[in-house]
């Protein structure tokens, strides 16, 4: 298990210079990888995802957008 802290959507948005809503859309569409930390053992209950982004995934996203 990695000891690198995960970024919140707000952290990623600040780093990318875009709104949190845009970061969530990137996650939803699969453009930016993220981990849903709200998943529980009881999958029958609906929950709002609480996304966390690995710094390496944010770096990969940026590299994929670099010309």
C-alpha atoms as a PDB file:
ATOM      1  CA  UNK A   1       0.000   0.000   0.000  1.00  0.00           C
ATOM      2  CA  UNK A   2       1.241   3.463  -0.904  1.00  0.00           C
ATOM      3  CA  UNK A   3       1.818   6.110   1.748  1.00  0.00           C
ATOM      4  CA  UNK A   4       1.405   8.943  -0.757  1.00  0.00           C
ATOM      5  CA  UNK A   5      -1.587  11.050   0.296  1.00  0.00           C
ATOM      6  CA  UNK A   6      -4.538  11.079  -2.071  1.00  0.00           C
ATOM      7  CA  UNK A   7      -5.852  14.358  -3.451  1.00  0.00           C
ATOM      8  CA  UNK A   8      -9.435  15.528  -3.072  1.00  0.00           C
ATOM      9  CA  UNK A   9     -11.342  16.826  -6.079  1.00  0.00           C
ATOM     10  CA  UNK A  10     -10.818  20.316  -4.650  1.00  0.00           C
ATOM     11  CA  UNK A  11      -7.041  19.753  -4.411  1.00  0.00           C
ATOM     12  CA  UNK A  12      -6.952  18.512  -8.007  1.00  0.00           C
ATOM     13  CA  UNK A  13      -9.092  21.427  -9.197  1.00  0.00           C
ATOM     14  CA  UNK A  14      -6.744  23.913  -7.530  1.00  0.00           C
ATOM     15  CA  UNK A  15      -3.721  22.200  -9.058  1.00  0.00           C
ATOM     16  CA  UNK A  16      -5.322  22.157 -12.519  1.00  0.00           C
ATOM     17  CA  UNK A  17      -6.781  25.658 -12.286  1.00  0.00           C
ATOM     18  CA  UNK A  18     -10.332  24.543 -13.040  1.00  0.00           C
ATOM     19  CA  UNK A  19     -13.625  24.239 -11.168  1.00  0.00           C
ATOM     20  CA  UNK A  20     -14.291  21.199  -8.971  1.00  0.00           C
ATOM     21  CA  UNK A  21     -17.332  20.465 -11.141  1.00  0.00           C
ATOM     22  CA  UNK A  22     -15.027  20.037 -14.151  1.00  0.00           C
ATOM     23  CA  UNK A  23     -12.755  17.652 -12.238  1.00  0.00           C
ATOM     24  CA  UNK A  24     -15.789  15.557 -11.268  1.00  0.00           C
ATOM     25  CA  UNK A  25     -16.900  15.496 -14.924  1.00  0.00           C
ATOM     26  CA  UNK A  26     -13.423  14.339 -15.991  1.00  0.00           C
ATOM     27  CA  UNK A  27     -13.652  11.535 -13.433  1.00  0.00           C
ATOM     28  CA  UNK A  28     -17.189  10.588 -14.489  1.00  0.00           C
ATOM     29  CA  UNK A  29     -16.185  10.403 -18.180  1.00  0.00           C
ATOM     30  CA  UNK A  30     -13.036   8.400 -17.415  1.00  0.00           C
ATOM     31  CA  UNK A  31     -10.573  11.074 -18.537  1.00  0.00           C
ATOM     32  CA  UNK A  32      -9.141  11.316 -15.000  1.00  0.00           C
ATOM     33  CA  UNK A  33      -8.724   8.208 -12.873  1.00  0.00           C
ATOM     34  CA  UNK A  34      -9.931   8.376  -9.281  1.00  0.00           C
ATOM     35  CA  UNK A  35     -10.808   6.166  -6.319  1.00  0.00           C
ATOM     36  CA  UNK A  36     -14.309   6.173  -4.802  1.00  0.00           C
ATOM     37  CA  UNK A  37     -13.562   6.120  -1.074  1.00  0.00           C
ATOM     38  CA  UNK A  38     -17.260   6.098  -0.133  1.00  0.00           C
ATOM     39  CA  UNK A  39     -17.746   2.475  -1.166  1.00  0.00           C
ATOM     40  CA  UNK A  40     -19.089   0.393   1.698  1.00  0.00           C
ATOM     41  CA  UNK A  41     -19.428  -3.323   2.298  1.00  0.00           C
ATOM     42  CA  UNK A  42     -23.203  -2.951   1.889  1.00  0.00           C
ATOM     43  CA  UNK A  43     -23.546  -2.258  -1.832  1.00  0.00           C
ATOM     44  CA  UNK A  44     -27.342  -2.144  -1.616  1.00  0.00           C
ATOM     45  CA  UNK A  45     -27.302   1.377  -0.186  1.00  0.00           C
ATOM     46  CA  UNK A  46     -26.806   4.257  -2.554  1.00  0.00           C
ATOM     47  CA  UNK A  47     -24.105   6.738  -1.745  1.00  0.00           C
ATOM     48  CA  UNK A  48     -22.546   9.817  -3.191  1.00  0.00           C
ATOM     49  CA  UNK A  49     -19.051   9.076  -4.395  1.00  0.00           C
ATOM     50  CA  UNK A  50     -16.250  10.784  -2.538  1.00  0.00           C
ATOM     51  CA  UNK A  51     -13.439  10.776  -5.021  1.00  0.00           C
ATOM     52  CA  UNK A  52      -9.720  10.806  -4.312  1.00  0.00           C
ATOM     53  CA  UNK A  53      -7.059  11.162  -6.964  1.00  0.00           C
ATOM     54  CA  UNK A  54      -3.605   9.625  -6.826  1.00  0.00           C
ATOM     55  CA  UNK A  55      -0.901  12.191  -7.626  1.00  0.00           C
ATOM     56  CA  UNK A  56       0.464   9.818 -10.272  1.00  0.00           C
ATOM     57  CA  UNK A  57      -2.961   9.727 -11.984  1.00  0.00           C
ATOM     58  CA  UNK A  58      -3.076  13.523 -11.983  1.00  0.00           C
ATOM     59  CA  UNK A  59       0.429  13.575 -13.521  1.00  0.00           C
ATOM     60  CA  UNK A  60      -0.686  11.101 -16.215  1.00  0.00           C
ATOM     61  CA  UNK A  61      -3.735  13.239 -16.966  1.00  0.00           C
ATOM     62  CA  UNK A  62      -1.548  16.317 -17.374  1.00  0.00           C
ATOM     63  CA  UNK A  63       0.938  14.447 -19.555  1.00  0.00           C
ATOM     64  CA  UNK A  64      -1.874  13.228 -21.800  1.00  0.00           C
ATOM     65  CA  UNK A  65      -2.989  16.842 -22.305  1.00  0.00           C
ATOM     66  CA  UNK A  66       0.491  18.195 -23.019  1.00  0.00           C
ATOM     67  CA  UNK A  67       1.380  18.990 -26.624  1.00  0.00           C
END
